[in-house]
Amino acid sequence: MLDLHRLRALHAVSVHGTVGAAAAALGYTPSAVSQQIAKLERETRTVLLERQGRGVRLTDQAQHLAATAQELLAIVERAETELEERRGLPAGRLTIAAFASAARGLLPGVLADLAVRHPALDTRMTEIDPHLSVDLVAKGAVDLAVAHDWDIAPLPAPPGVDQAPIGDDPCDLLVPEGHPFAGRPSVRREDLRDQRWICQPPGRVCHDWLVRTLREAGCEPDIVHQADENPTLIALVAAGLGIALLPRLGRGPLPAGVVEVPLEPVPVRHLYALWRTGAARRPAIAETVATLRAHWPEVSPQHPASASTPVPRPASAPAPTPASVPAR
């Protein structure tokens, strides 16, 4: 009989692409994942992974077995959801994928809150790019994702994935002290010609938004420096090497030498919680979505959640189901 834990390890490698990434998502060591798959190879008398450069690839047989594993894991998830629903309280493991600034600015308080109020709930958070996290939810690799989109780049939710708004995160123009924009009350997009830009690499949502927005304003952005992490981008601005457009969530206090200037109209990114439709009845999902929305005003007090009033954190009763939250 095939072992479900070993099938889960194979499925994780098929979704995440590497043994190391699969291990991080499962909360194991890479060695433990490799051992699980090696045992599965012996059980099935089949080669499942082949070396490819510095990584591995799934054989054709492994691809078929991984697809079967996904179906079995979905059945297990439904069974666990029904049990948790009958108990009426959040319990078990809940895996969450969140993009970097949400993982830094929103999730710590949410996870700590859930740990205090629901000790039977074992939350596990992984920092993942928002476009990747949606696919991971759809494939069953994570239970819930915190992702974001922009007005000109909506976040698509594939069939079988539901979503609800968490809040809106405004962005500001960051310029070096002494820059001509530094003393202005606001800057319009048409004023951004001939600027040297610092932003994230291509393929990231913020980079794509910046390029598309400036092109629509009639100027081609001159991107001179690229970095993944916001502190690095801010340090480059502080050094006088260019200007940047950064959201407020998780940004922290600006260092000396960096000035925040409003851009008109104000760019806003929208935060969402996403989960599989079949798991919507699970109290852990409902409670986590409610807690995310309840904590949003605390991390962005001047910009409350998309709903007219925050969702309250219940003291003992189960949270309202995500289906009751307005979906986008």
C-alpha atoms as a PDB file:
ATOM      1  CA  MET A   1       0.000   0.000   0.000  1.00  0.00           C
ATOM      2  CA  LEU A   2       1.328   3.433  -0.928  1.00  0.00           C
ATOM      3  CA  ASP A   3       2.223   5.676   1.981  1.00  0.00           C
ATOM      4  CA  LEU A   4       0.373   9.015   1.975  1.00  0.00           C
ATOM      5  CA  HIS A   5       3.298  10.928   3.512  1.00  0.00           C
ATOM      6  CA  ARG A   6       5.568   9.780   0.687  1.00  0.00           C
ATOM      7  CA  LEU A   7       2.977  10.688  -1.920  1.00  0.00           C
ATOM      8  CA  ARG A   8       2.681  14.121  -0.290  1.00  0.00           C
ATOM      9  CA  ALA A   9       6.447  14.577  -0.626  1.00  0.00           C
ATOM     10  CA  LEU A  10       6.346  13.658  -4.320  1.00  0.00           C
ATOM     11  CA  HIS A  11       3.414  15.981  -4.919  1.00  0.00           C
ATOM     12  CA  ALA A  12       5.288  18.829  -3.195  1.00  0.00           C
ATOM     13  CA  VAL A  13       8.319  18.333  -5.442  1.00  0.00           C
ATOM     14  CA  SER A  14       6.076  18.336  -8.529  1.00  0.00           C
ATOM     15  CA  VAL A  15       4.444  21.612  -7.428  1.00  0.00           C
ATOM     16  CA  HIS A  16       7.483  23.483  -6.091  1.00  0.00           C
ATOM     17  CA  GLY A  17      10.020  22.215  -8.615  1.00  0.00           C
ATOM     18  CA  THR A  18      12.889  21.301  -6.290  1.00  0.00           C
ATOM     19  CA  VAL A  19      13.465  19.092  -3.273  1.00  0.00           C
ATOM     20  CA  GLY A  20      14.610  22.094  -1.237  1.00  0.00           C
ATOM     21  CA  ALA A  21      11.504  24.154  -2.026  1.00  0.00           C
ATOM     22  CA  ALA A  22       9.262  21.164  -1.336  1.00  0.00           C
ATOM     23  CA  ALA A  23      10.978  20.626   2.012  1.00  0.00           C
ATOM     24  CA  ALA A  24      10.493  24.273   2.977  1.00  0.00           C
ATOM     25  CA  ALA A  25       6.791  24.096   2.109  1.00  0.00           C
ATOM     26  CA  LEU A  26       6.269  20.868   4.072  1.00  0.00           C
ATOM     27  CA  GLY A  27       8.329  21.951   7.068  1.00  0.00           C
ATOM     28  CA  TYR A  28      10.841  19.107   6.553  1.00  0.00           C
ATOM     29  CA  THR A  29      14.542  18.996   5.750  1.00  0.00           C
ATOM     30  CA  PRO A  30      15.587  18.309   2.133  1.00  0.00           C
ATOM     31  CA  SER A  31      17.150  15.079   3.345  1.00  0.00           C
ATOM     32  CA  ALA A  32      13.831  13.929   4.822  1.00  0.00           C
ATOM     33  CA  VAL A  33      11.987  14.636   1.549  1.00  0.00           C
ATOM     34  CA  SER A  34      14.654  12.773  -0.445  1.00  0.00           C
ATOM     35  CA  GLN A  35      14.350   9.809   1.902  1.00  0.00           C
ATOM     36  CA  GLN A  36      10.555   9.738   1.540  1.00  0.00           C
ATOM     37  CA  ILE A  37      10.820   9.699  -2.232  1.00  0.00           C
ATOM     38  CA  ALA A  38      13.574   7.072  -2.173  1.00  0.00           C
ATOM     39  CA  LYS A  39      11.282   4.822  -0.106  1.00  0.00           C
ATOM     40  CA  LEU A  40       8.448   5.501  -2.556  1.00  0.00           C
ATOM     41  CA  GLU A  41      10.713   4.463  -5.425  1.00  0.00           C
ATOM     42  CA  ARG A  42      11.463   1.179  -3.666  1.00  0.00           C
ATOM     43  CA  GLU A  43       7.764   0.585  -2.950  1.00  0.00           C
ATOM     44  CA  THR A  44       6.743   1.242  -6.547  1.00  0.00           C
ATOM     45  CA  ARG A  45       9.910  -0.244  -8.124  1.00  0.00           C
ATOM     46  CA  THR A  46       9.961   2.903 -10.262  1.00  0.00           C
ATOM     47  CA  VAL A  47      12.468   5.676 -10.840  1.00  0.00           C
ATOM     48  CA  LEU A  48      10.662   8.888  -9.862  1.00  0.00           C
ATOM     49  CA  LEU A  49      13.360  11.579  -9.898  1.00  0.00           C
ATOM     50  CA  GLU A  50      16.196  12.103 -12.357  1.00  0.00           C
ATOM     51  CA  ARG A  51      19.118  14.480 -12.071  1.00  0.00           C
ATOM     52  CA  GLN A  52      18.873  17.570 -14.295  1.00  0.00           C
ATOM     53  CA  GLY A  53      21.764  19.983 -13.892  1.00  0.00           C
ATOM     54  CA  ARG A  54      21.896  20.935 -10.229  1.00  0.00           C
ATOM     55  CA  GLY A  55      18.278  19.978  -9.692  1.00  0.00           C
ATOM     56  CA  VAL A  56      15.917  17.104 -10.410  1.00  0.00           C
ATOM     57  CA  ARG A  57      13.001  16.432 -12.700  1.00  0.00           C
ATOM     58  CA  LEU A  58      10.064  14.062 -12.343  1.00  0.00           C
ATOM     59  CA  THR A  59       9.971  11.104 -14.692  1.00  0.00           C
ATOM     60  CA  ASP A  60       6.818  10.426 -16.722  1.00  0.00           C
ATOM     61  CA  GLN A  61       5.812   7.758 -14.209  1.00  0.00           C
ATOM     62  CA  ALA A  62       6.335  10.236 -11.373  1.00  0.00           C
ATOM     63  CA  GLN A  63       4.152  12.824 -13.109  1.00  0.00           C
ATOM     64  CA  HIS A  64       1.268  10.334 -13.277  1.00  0.00           C
ATOM     65  CA  LEU A  65       1.800   9.292  -9.660  1.00  0.00           C
ATOM     66  CA  ALA A  66       1.923  12.937  -8.549  1.00  0.00           C
ATOM     67  CA  ALA A  67      -1.418  13.597 -10.269  1.00  0.00           C
ATOM     68  CA  THR A  68      -2.915  10.632  -8.411  1.00  0.00           C
ATOM     69  CA  ALA A  69      -1.380  11.939  -5.183  1.00  0.00           C
ATOM     70  CA  GLN A  70      -3.131  15.271  -5.722  1.00  0.00           C
ATOM     71  CA  GLU A  71      -6.489  13.499  -6.022  1.00  0.00           C
ATOM     72  CA  LEU A  72      -5.835  11.489  -2.850  1.00  0.00           C
ATOM     73  CA  LEU A  73      -4.734  14.566  -0.920  1.00  0.00           C
ATOM     74  CA  ALA A  74      -7.925  16.328  -2.005  1.00  0.00           C
ATOM     75  CA  ILE A  75      -9.969  13.446  -0.589  1.00  0.00           C
ATOM     76  CA  VAL A  76      -8.030  13.621   2.680  1.00  0.00           C
ATOM     77  CA  GLU A  77      -8.589  17.380   2.803  1.00  0.00           C
ATOM     78  CA  ARG A  78     -12.346  16.917   2.425  1.00  0.00           C
ATOM     79  CA  ALA A  79     -12.356  14.368   5.235  1.00  0.00           C
ATOM     80  CA  GLU A  80     -10.348  16.661   7.506  1.00  0.00           C
ATOM     81  CA  THR A  81     -12.637  19.577   6.643  1.00  0.00           C
ATOM     82  CA  GLU A  82     -15.723  17.571   7.587  1.00  0.00           C
ATOM     83  CA  LEU A  83     -14.186  16.505  10.903  1.00  0.00           C
ATOM     84  CA  GLU A  84     -13.109  20.038  11.748  1.00  0.00           C
ATOM     85  CA  GLU A  85     -16.520  21.364  10.709  1.00  0.00           C
ATOM     86  CA  ARG A  86     -18.232  18.908  13.051  1.00  0.00           C
ATOM     87  CA  ARG A  87     -16.023  20.023  15.940  1.00  0.00           C
ATOM     88  CA  GLY A  88     -16.774  23.643  15.049  1.00  0.00           C
ATOM     89  CA  LEU A  89     -13.343  24.906  16.120  1.00  0.00           C
ATOM     90  CA  PRO A  90     -10.174  25.650  14.106  1.00  0.00           C
ATOM     91  CA  ALA A  91      -7.719  22.773  14.433  1.00  0.00           C
ATOM     92  CA  GLY A  92      -5.028  20.893  12.565  1.00  0.00           C
ATOM     93  CA  ARG A  93      -2.336  22.248  10.272  1.00  0.00           C
ATOM     94  CA  LEU A  94      -3.005  25.294   8.107  1.00  0.00           C
ATOM     95  CA  THR A  95      -0.363  26.265   5.534  1.00  0.00           C
ATOM     96  CA  ILE A  96      -0.292  29.898   4.420  1.00  0.00           C
ATOM     97  CA  ALA A  97       1.598  31.504   1.537  1.00  0.00           C
ATOM     98  CA  ALA A  98       2.186  35.257   1.739  1.00  0.00           C
ATOM     99  CA  PHE A  99       4.130  37.786  -0.323  1.00  0.00           C
ATOM    100  CA  ALA A 100       7.114  39.465   1.312  1.00  0.00           C
ATOM    101  CA  SER A 101       5.694  42.700   2.724  1.00  0.00           C
ATOM    102  CA  ALA A 102       2.535  40.944   3.992  1.00  0.00           C
ATOM    103  CA  ALA A 103       4.705  38.278   5.626  1.00  0.00           C
ATOM    104  CA  ARG A 104       6.590  41.081   7.360  1.00  0.00           C
ATOM    105  CA  GLY A 105       3.900  43.677   8.022  1.00  0.00           C
ATOM    106  CA  LEU A 106       0.655  41.719   8.526  1.00  0.00           C
ATOM    107  CA  LEU A 107       1.188  38.026   9.230  1.00  0.00           C
ATOM    108  CA  PRO A 108       3.219  38.179  12.479  1.00  0.00           C
ATOM    109  CA  GLY A 109       0.334  39.720  14.422  1.00  0.00           C
ATOM    110  CA  VAL A 110      -2.225  37.472  12.753  1.00  0.00           C
ATOM    111  CA  LEU A 111      -0.283  34.270  13.450  1.00  0.00           C
ATOM    112  CA  ALA A 112       0.369  35.271  17.062  1.00  0.00           C
ATOM    113  CA  ASP A 113      -3.321  36.080  17.559  1.00  0.00           C
ATOM    114  CA  LEU A 114      -4.407  32.718  16.133  1.00  0.00           C
ATOM    115  CA  ALA A 115      -1.863  30.853  18.275  1.00  0.00           C
ATOM    116  CA  VAL A 116      -3.224  32.413  21.478  1.00  0.00           C
ATOM    117  CA  ARG A 117      -6.920  31.968  20.692  1.00  0.00           C
ATOM    118  CA  HIS A 118      -6.726  28.592  18.922  1.00  0.00           C
ATOM    119  CA  PRO A 119      -3.935  26.432  20.363  1.00  0.00           C
ATOM    120  CA  ALA A 120      -5.191  23.397  18.426  1.00  0.00           C
ATOM    121  CA  LEU A 121      -4.511  25.217  15.137  1.00  0.00           C
ATOM    122  CA  ASP A 122      -0.996  24.711  13.758  1.00  0.00           C
ATOM    123  CA  THR A 123      -0.328  27.535  11.262  1.00  0.00           C
ATOM    124  CA  ARG A 124       2.699  27.353   8.937  1.00  0.00           C
ATOM    125  CA  MET A 125       3.614  30.402   6.831  1.00  0.00           C
ATOM    126  CA  THR A 126       5.890  30.524   3.769  1.00  0.00           C
ATOM    127  CA  GLU A 127       6.951  33.672   1.904  1.00  0.00           C
ATOM    128  CA  ILE A 128       6.056  33.256  -1.794  1.00  0.00           C
ATOM    129  CA  ASP A 129       5.475  35.576  -4.761  1.00  0.00           C
ATOM    130  CA  PRO A 130       1.728  36.329  -5.102  1.00  0.00           C
ATOM    131  CA  HIS A 131       1.361  34.963  -8.628  1.00  0.00           C
ATOM    132  CA  LEU A 132       2.968  31.682  -7.574  1.00  0.00           C
ATOM    133  CA  SER A 133       0.920  31.416  -4.393  1.00  0.00           C
ATOM    134  CA  VAL A 134      -2.405  31.423  -6.261  1.00  0.00           C
ATOM    135  CA  ASP A 135      -1.306  28.390  -8.268  1.00  0.00           C
ATOM    136  CA  LEU A 136      -0.148  26.664  -5.092  1.00  0.00           C
ATOM    137  CA  VAL A 137      -3.594  27.130  -3.564  1.00  0.00           C
ATOM    138  CA  ALA A 138      -5.260  25.725  -6.683  1.00  0.00           C
ATOM    139  CA  LYS A 139      -2.984  22.655  -6.636  1.00  0.00           C
ATOM    140  CA  GLY A 140      -3.519  22.019  -2.947  1.00  0.00           C
ATOM    141  CA  ALA A 141       0.098  22.730  -1.986  1.00  0.00           C
ATOM    142  CA  VAL A 142      -0.988  25.413   0.519  1.00  0.00           C
ATOM    143  CA  ASP A 143      -4.313  25.950   2.248  1.00  0.00           C
ATOM    144  CA  LEU A 144      -4.553  29.732   2.044  1.00  0.00           C
ATOM    145  CA  ALA A 145      -2.675  32.548   0.327  1.00  0.00           C
ATOM    146  CA  VAL A 146      -2.343  36.256   0.990  1.00  0.00           C
ATOM    147  CA  ALA A 147      -1.752  37.870  -2.399  1.00  0.00           C
ATOM    148  CA  HIS A 148      -2.138  41.265  -4.050  1.00  0.00           C
ATOM    149  CA  ASP A 149      -2.915  42.899  -7.360  1.00  0.00           C
ATOM    150  CA  TRP A 150      -3.088  46.378  -8.915  1.00  0.00           C
ATOM    151  CA  ASP A 151      -5.790  48.243 -10.789  1.00  0.00           C
ATOM    152  CA  ILE A 152      -4.134  47.644 -14.178  1.00  0.00           C
ATOM    153  CA  ALA A 153      -3.016  44.084 -13.369  1.00  0.00           C
ATOM    154  CA  PRO A 154      -5.896  42.162 -11.709  1.00  0.00           C
ATOM    155  CA  LEU A 155      -5.065  38.941  -9.927  1.00  0.00           C
ATOM    156  CA  PRO A 156      -6.838  36.031 -11.647  1.00  0.00           C
ATOM    157  CA  ALA A 157      -8.456  33.413  -9.420  1.00  0.00           C
ATOM    158  CA  PRO A 158      -8.602  30.051 -11.247  1.00  0.00           C
ATOM    159  CA  PRO A 159     -11.689  27.830 -11.068  1.00  0.00           C
ATOM    160  CA  GLY A 160     -12.038  26.210  -7.675  1.00  0.00           C
ATOM    161  CA  VAL A 161     -10.373  29.096  -5.813  1.00  0.00           C
ATOM    162  CA  ASP A 162     -12.355  31.691  -3.844  1.00  0.00           C
ATOM    163  CA  GLN A 163     -11.076  35.026  -2.632  1.00  0.00           C
ATOM    164  CA  ALA A 164     -12.060  37.857  -0.304  1.00  0.00           C
ATOM    165  CA  PRO A 165     -10.593  41.347   0.131  1.00  0.00           C
ATOM    166  CA  ILE A 166      -8.345  42.156   3.085  1.00  0.00           C
ATOM    167  CA  GLY A 167      -7.551  45.822   2.452  1.00  0.00           C
ATOM    168  CA  ASP A 168      -5.988  48.429   0.171  1.00  0.00           C
ATOM    169  CA  ASP A 169      -2.322  49.360   0.438  1.00  0.00           C
ATOM    170  CA  PRO A 170      -1.404  52.800  -0.979  1.00  0.00           C
ATOM    171  CA  CYS A 171       2.010  53.453  -2.518  1.00  0.00           C
ATOM    172  CA  ASP A 172       4.231  56.513  -2.277  1.00  0.00           C
ATOM    173  CA  LEU A 173       7.063  57.960  -4.305  1.00  0.00           C
ATOM    174  CA  LEU A 174      10.354  57.774  -2.409  1.00  0.00           C
ATOM    175  CA  VAL A 175      13.023  60.272  -3.450  1.00  0.00           C
ATOM    176  CA  PRO A 176      16.422  61.295  -2.061  1.00  0.00           C
ATOM    177  CA  GLU A 177      16.574  64.343   0.153  1.00  0.00           C
ATOM    178  CA  GLY A 178      17.392  67.302  -2.091  1.00  0.00           C
ATOM    179  CA  HIS A 179      15.601  65.833  -5.120  1.00  0.00           C
ATOM    180  CA  PRO A 180      13.397  68.399  -6.950  1.00  0.00           C
ATOM    181  CA  PHE A 181      10.300  66.369  -5.944  1.00  0.00           C
ATOM    182  CA  ALA A 182      11.211  66.366  -2.235  1.00  0.00           C
ATOM    183  CA  GLY A 183       9.617  69.717  -1.434  1.00  0.00           C
ATOM    184  CA  ARG A 184       6.427  69.254  -3.450  1.00  0.00           C
ATOM    185  CA  PRO A 185       3.042  68.418  -1.872  1.00  0.00           C
ATOM    186  CA  SER A 186       2.412  65.834  -4.612  1.00  0.00           C
ATOM    187  CA  VAL A 187       3.670  64.648  -7.987  1.00  0.00           C
ATOM    188  CA  ARG A 188       1.630  63.655 -11.020  1.00  0.00           C
ATOM    189  CA  ARG A 189       2.520  60.709 -13.215  1.00  0.00           C
ATOM    190  CA  GLU A 190       3.141  63.037 -16.142  1.00  0.00           C
ATOM    191  CA  ASP A 191       5.989  64.631 -14.120  1.00  0.00           C
ATOM    192  CA  LEU A 192       7.975  61.399 -13.957  1.00  0.00           C
ATOM    193  CA  ARG A 193       9.801  61.712 -17.284  1.00  0.00           C
ATOM    194  CA  ASP A 194      13.605  61.496 -17.330  1.00  0.00           C
ATOM    195  CA  GLN A 195      13.821  59.961 -13.852  1.00  0.00           C
ATOM    196  CA  ARG A 196      16.206  57.179 -12.828  1.00  0.00           C
ATOM    197  CA  TRP A 197      14.205  54.366 -11.253  1.00  0.00           C
ATOM    198  CA  ILE A 198      14.959  51.742  -8.639  1.00  0.00           C
ATOM    199  CA  CYS A 199      12.518  48.812  -8.550  1.00  0.00           C
ATOM    200  CA  GLN A 200      12.050  45.082  -8.335  1.00  0.00           C
ATOM    201  CA  PRO A 201      13.173  42.790 -11.218  1.00  0.00           C
ATOM    202  CA  PRO A 202      10.934  42.039 -14.236  1.00  0.00           C
ATOM    203  CA  GLY A 203       8.162  39.557 -13.581  1.00  0.00           C
ATOM    204  CA  ARG A 204       7.351  41.024 -10.185  1.00  0.00           C
ATOM    205  CA  VAL A 205       3.980  42.722  -9.849  1.00  0.00           C
ATOM    206  CA  CYS A 206       5.445  46.065  -8.736  1.00  0.00           C
ATOM    207  CA  HIS A 207       7.900  46.158 -11.650  1.00  0.00           C
ATOM    208  CA  ASP A 208       5.239  45.345 -14.223  1.00  0.00           C
ATOM    209  CA  TRP A 209       2.867  47.946 -12.761  1.00  0.00           C
ATOM    210  CA  LEU A 210       5.540  50.654 -12.877  1.00  0.00           C
ATOM    211  CA  VAL A 211       6.466  49.950 -16.506  1.00  0.00           C
ATOM    212  CA  ARG A 212       2.869  49.787 -17.721  1.00  0.00           C
ATOM    213  CA  THR A 213       1.783  52.876 -15.796  1.00  0.00           C
ATOM    214  CA  LEU A 214       4.643  55.068 -16.993  1.00  0.00           C
ATOM    215  CA  ARG A 215       4.204  53.922 -20.570  1.00  0.00           C
ATOM    216  CA  GLU A 216       0.530  54.863 -20.378  1.00  0.00           C
ATOM    217  CA  ALA A 217       1.669  58.290 -19.130  1.00  0.00           C
ATOM    218  CA  GLY A 218       3.823  58.620 -22.240  1.00  0.00           C
ATOM    219  CA  CYS A 219       7.292  57.893 -20.850  1.00  0.00           C
ATOM    220  CA  GLU A 220       9.610  54.902 -20.890  1.00  0.00           C
ATOM    221  CA  PRO A 221      11.053  54.226 -17.411  1.00  0.00           C
ATOM    222  CA  ASP A 222      14.835  54.282 -17.072  1.00  0.00           C
ATOM    223  CA  ILE A 223      15.363  51.462 -14.566  1.00  0.00           C
ATOM    224  CA  VAL A 224      18.939  51.695 -13.335  1.00  0.00           C
ATOM    225  CA  HIS A 225      18.909  49.422 -10.255  1.00  0.00           C
ATOM    226  CA  GLN A 226      16.846  46.343  -9.389  1.00  0.00           C
ATOM    227  CA  ALA A 227      16.503  44.501  -6.079  1.00  0.00           C
ATOM    228  CA  ASP A 228      14.031  42.055  -4.530  1.00  0.00           C
ATOM    229  CA  GLU A 229      13.831  43.425  -0.994  1.00  0.00           C
ATOM    230  CA  ASN A 230      12.307  46.764  -0.020  1.00  0.00           C
ATOM    231  CA  PRO A 231      15.085  47.673   2.475  1.00  0.00           C
ATOM    232  CA  THR A 232      17.599  47.374  -0.372  1.00  0.00           C
ATOM    233  CA  LEU A 233      15.479  49.573  -2.639  1.00  0.00           C
ATOM    234  CA  ILE A 234      15.183  52.182   0.104  1.00  0.00           C
ATOM    235  CA  ALA A 235      18.937  52.096   0.769  1.00  0.00           C
ATOM    236  CA  LEU A 236      19.599  52.772  -2.910  1.00  0.00           C
ATOM    237  CA  VAL A 237      17.223  55.751  -2.804  1.00  0.00           C
ATOM    238  CA  ALA A 238      18.965  57.043   0.344  1.00  0.00           C
ATOM    239  CA  ALA A 239      22.273  56.885  -1.535  1.00  0.00           C
ATOM    240  CA  GLY A 240      20.842  59.256  -4.148  1.00  0.00           C
ATOM    241  CA  LEU A 241      20.881  56.677  -6.942  1.00  0.00           C
ATOM    242  CA  GLY A 242      17.293  57.103  -8.124  1.00  0.00           C
ATOM    243  CA  ILE A 243      13.656  57.193  -7.049  1.00  0.00           C
ATOM    244  CA  ALA A 244      11.298  54.338  -6.214  1.00  0.00           C
ATOM    245  CA  LEU A 245       7.595  53.622  -5.823  1.00  0.00           C
ATOM    246  CA  LEU A 246       6.881  51.472  -2.762  1.00  0.00           C
ATOM    247  CA  PRO A 247       3.733  50.330  -0.924  1.00  0.00           C
ATOM    248  CA  ARG A 248       3.360  51.239   2.749  1.00  0.00           C
ATOM    249  CA  LEU A 249       2.691  47.779   4.190  1.00  0.00           C
ATOM    250  CA  GLY A 250       5.763  46.403   5.928  1.00  0.00           C
ATOM    251  CA  ARG A 251       7.923  49.312   4.765  1.00  0.00           C
ATOM    252  CA  GLY A 252       8.853  50.538   8.234  1.00  0.00           C
ATOM    253  CA  PRO A 253      10.270  53.966   9.137  1.00  0.00           C
ATOM    254  CA  LEU A 254      12.189  55.654   6.350  1.00  0.00           C
ATOM    255  CA  PRO A 255      15.878  56.358   7.010  1.00  0.00           C
ATOM    256  CA  ALA A 256      17.437  59.802   6.954  1.00  0.00           C
ATOM    257  CA  GLY A 257      17.934  61.060   3.429  1.00  0.00           C
ATOM    258  CA  VAL A 258      14.697  59.553   2.023  1.00  0.00           C
ATOM    259  CA  VAL A 259      11.571  61.659   1.509  1.00  0.00           C
ATOM    260  CA  GLU A 260       8.049  60.315   0.942  1.00  0.00           C
ATOM    261  CA  VAL A 261       6.042  62.227  -1.683  1.00  0.00           C
ATOM    262  CA  PRO A 262       2.408  61.440  -2.628  1.00  0.00           C
ATOM    263  CA  LEU A 263       1.879  60.461  -6.257  1.00  0.00           C
ATOM    264  CA  GLU A 264      -1.382  61.613  -7.872  1.00  0.00           C
ATOM    265  CA  PRO A 265      -3.528  59.699  -8.492  1.00  0.00           C
ATOM    266  CA  VAL A 266      -2.428  57.517  -5.592  1.00  0.00           C
ATOM    267  CA  PRO A 267      -1.388  54.002  -6.719  1.00  0.00           C
ATOM    268  CA  VAL A 268      -3.070  51.306  -4.649  1.00  0.00           C
ATOM    269  CA  ARG A 269      -2.537  47.585  -4.485  1.00  0.00           C
ATOM    270  CA  HIS A 270      -5.355  45.363  -3.218  1.00  0.00           C
ATOM    271  CA  LEU A 271      -4.738  42.527  -0.773  1.00  0.00           C
ATOM    272  CA  TYR A 272      -6.766  39.307  -0.899  1.00  0.00           C
ATOM    273  CA  ALA A 273      -7.068  36.027   0.930  1.00  0.00           C
ATOM    274  CA  LEU A 274      -7.509  33.009  -1.351  1.00  0.00           C
ATOM    275  CA  TRP A 275      -8.483  29.429  -0.544  1.00  0.00           C
ATOM    276  CA  ARG A 276      -9.865  26.387  -2.320  1.00  0.00           C
ATOM    277  CA  THR A 277     -13.630  26.389  -2.701  1.00  0.00           C
ATOM    278  CA  GLY A 278     -13.890  22.915  -1.208  1.00  0.00           C
ATOM    279  CA  ALA A 279     -12.195  24.070   2.007  1.00  0.00           C
ATOM    280  CA  ALA A 280     -14.489  27.053   2.582  1.00  0.00           C
ATOM    281  CA  ARG A 281     -16.417  25.209   5.341  1.00  0.00           C
ATOM    282  CA  ARG A 282     -13.269  24.576   7.332  1.00  0.00           C
ATOM    283  CA  PRO A 283     -13.342  26.685  10.537  1.00  0.00           C
ATOM    284  CA  ALA A 284      -9.573  27.261  10.289  1.00  0.00           C
ATOM    285  CA  ILE A 285      -9.995  28.967   6.913  1.00  0.00           C
ATOM    286  CA  ALA A 286     -12.927  31.079   8.073  1.00  0.00           C
ATOM    287  CA  GLU A 287     -11.174  32.131  11.276  1.00  0.00           C
ATOM    288  CA  THR A 288      -7.909  32.997   9.515  1.00  0.00           C
ATOM    289  CA  VAL A 289      -9.668  35.120   6.886  1.00  0.00           C
ATOM    290  CA  ALA A 290     -11.581  36.951   9.636  1.00  0.00           C
ATOM    291  CA  THR A 291      -8.382  37.511  11.610  1.00  0.00           C
ATOM    292  CA  LEU A 292      -6.512  38.849   8.577  1.00  0.00           C
ATOM    293  CA  ARG A 293      -9.282  41.366   7.969  1.00  0.00           C
ATOM    294  CA  ALA A 294      -9.522  42.300  11.643  1.00  0.00           C
ATOM    295  CA  HIS A 295      -5.785  43.018  11.866  1.00  0.00           C
ATOM    296  CA  TRP A 296      -5.646  45.105   8.701  1.00  0.00           C
ATOM    297  CA  PRO A 297      -6.640  48.429  10.344  1.00  0.00           C
ATOM    298  CA  GLU A 298      -3.871  47.880  12.911  1.00  0.00           C
ATOM    299  CA  VAL A 299      -1.127  47.757  10.283  1.00  0.00           C
ATOM    300  CA  SER A 300      -2.753  50.357   8.008  1.00  0.00           C
ATOM    301  CA  PRO A 301      -4.963  52.408  10.346  1.00  0.00           C
ATOM    302  CA  GLN A 302      -5.565  55.273   7.935  1.00  0.00           C
ATOM    303  CA  HIS A 303      -6.692  52.861   5.204  1.00  0.00           C
ATOM    304  CA  PRO A 304      -9.266  50.373   6.635  1.00  0.00           C
ATOM    305  CA  ALA A 305     -10.259  47.091   5.048  1.00  0.00           C
ATOM    306  CA  SER A 306     -12.364  46.970   1.909  1.00  0.00           C
ATOM    307  CA  ALA A 307     -15.503  46.084   3.857  1.00  0.00           C
ATOM    308  CA  SER A 308     -17.401  48.929   5.511  1.00  0.00           C
ATOM    309  CA  THR A 309     -16.483  47.639   8.979  1.00  0.00           C
ATOM    310  CA  PRO A 310     -13.711  45.282  10.111  1.00  0.00           C
ATOM    311  CA  VAL A 311     -14.639  41.671  10.755  1.00  0.00           C
ATOM    312  CA  PRO A 312     -14.544  41.212  14.571  1.00  0.00           C
ATOM    313  CA  ARG A 313     -12.336  38.556  16.119  1.00  0.00           C
ATOM    314  CA  PRO A 314     -14.707  36.216  17.951  1.00  0.00           C
ATOM    315  CA  ALA A 315     -13.843  35.252  21.496  1.00  0.00           C
ATOM    316  CA  SER A 316     -15.206  31.727  21.348  1.00  0.00           C
ATOM    317  CA  ALA A 317     -17.768  31.276  18.595  1.00  0.00           C
ATOM    318  CA  PRO A 318     -16.534  30.169  15.168  1.00  0.00           C
ATOM    319  CA  ALA A 319     -15.819  32.943  12.679  1.00  0.00           C
ATOM    320  CA  PRO A 320     -18.233  33.539   9.807  1.00  0.00           C
ATOM    321  CA  THR A 321     -17.534  31.405   6.759  1.00  0.00           C
ATOM    322  CA  PRO A 322     -15.422  33.010   4.032  1.00  0.00           C
ATOM    323  CA  ALA A 323     -18.374  32.656   1.713  1.00  0.00           C
ATOM    324  CA  SER A 324     -20.092  35.377   3.744  1.00  0.00           C
ATOM    325  CA  VAL A 325     -17.269  37.817   2.956  1.00  0.00           C
ATOM    326  CA  PRO A 326     -17.742  39.786  -0.263  1.00  0.00           C
ATOM    327  CA  ALA A 327     -15.713  38.071  -2.990  1.00  0.00           C
ATOM    328  CA  ARG A 328     -14.034  39.802  -5.866  1.00  0.00           C
END
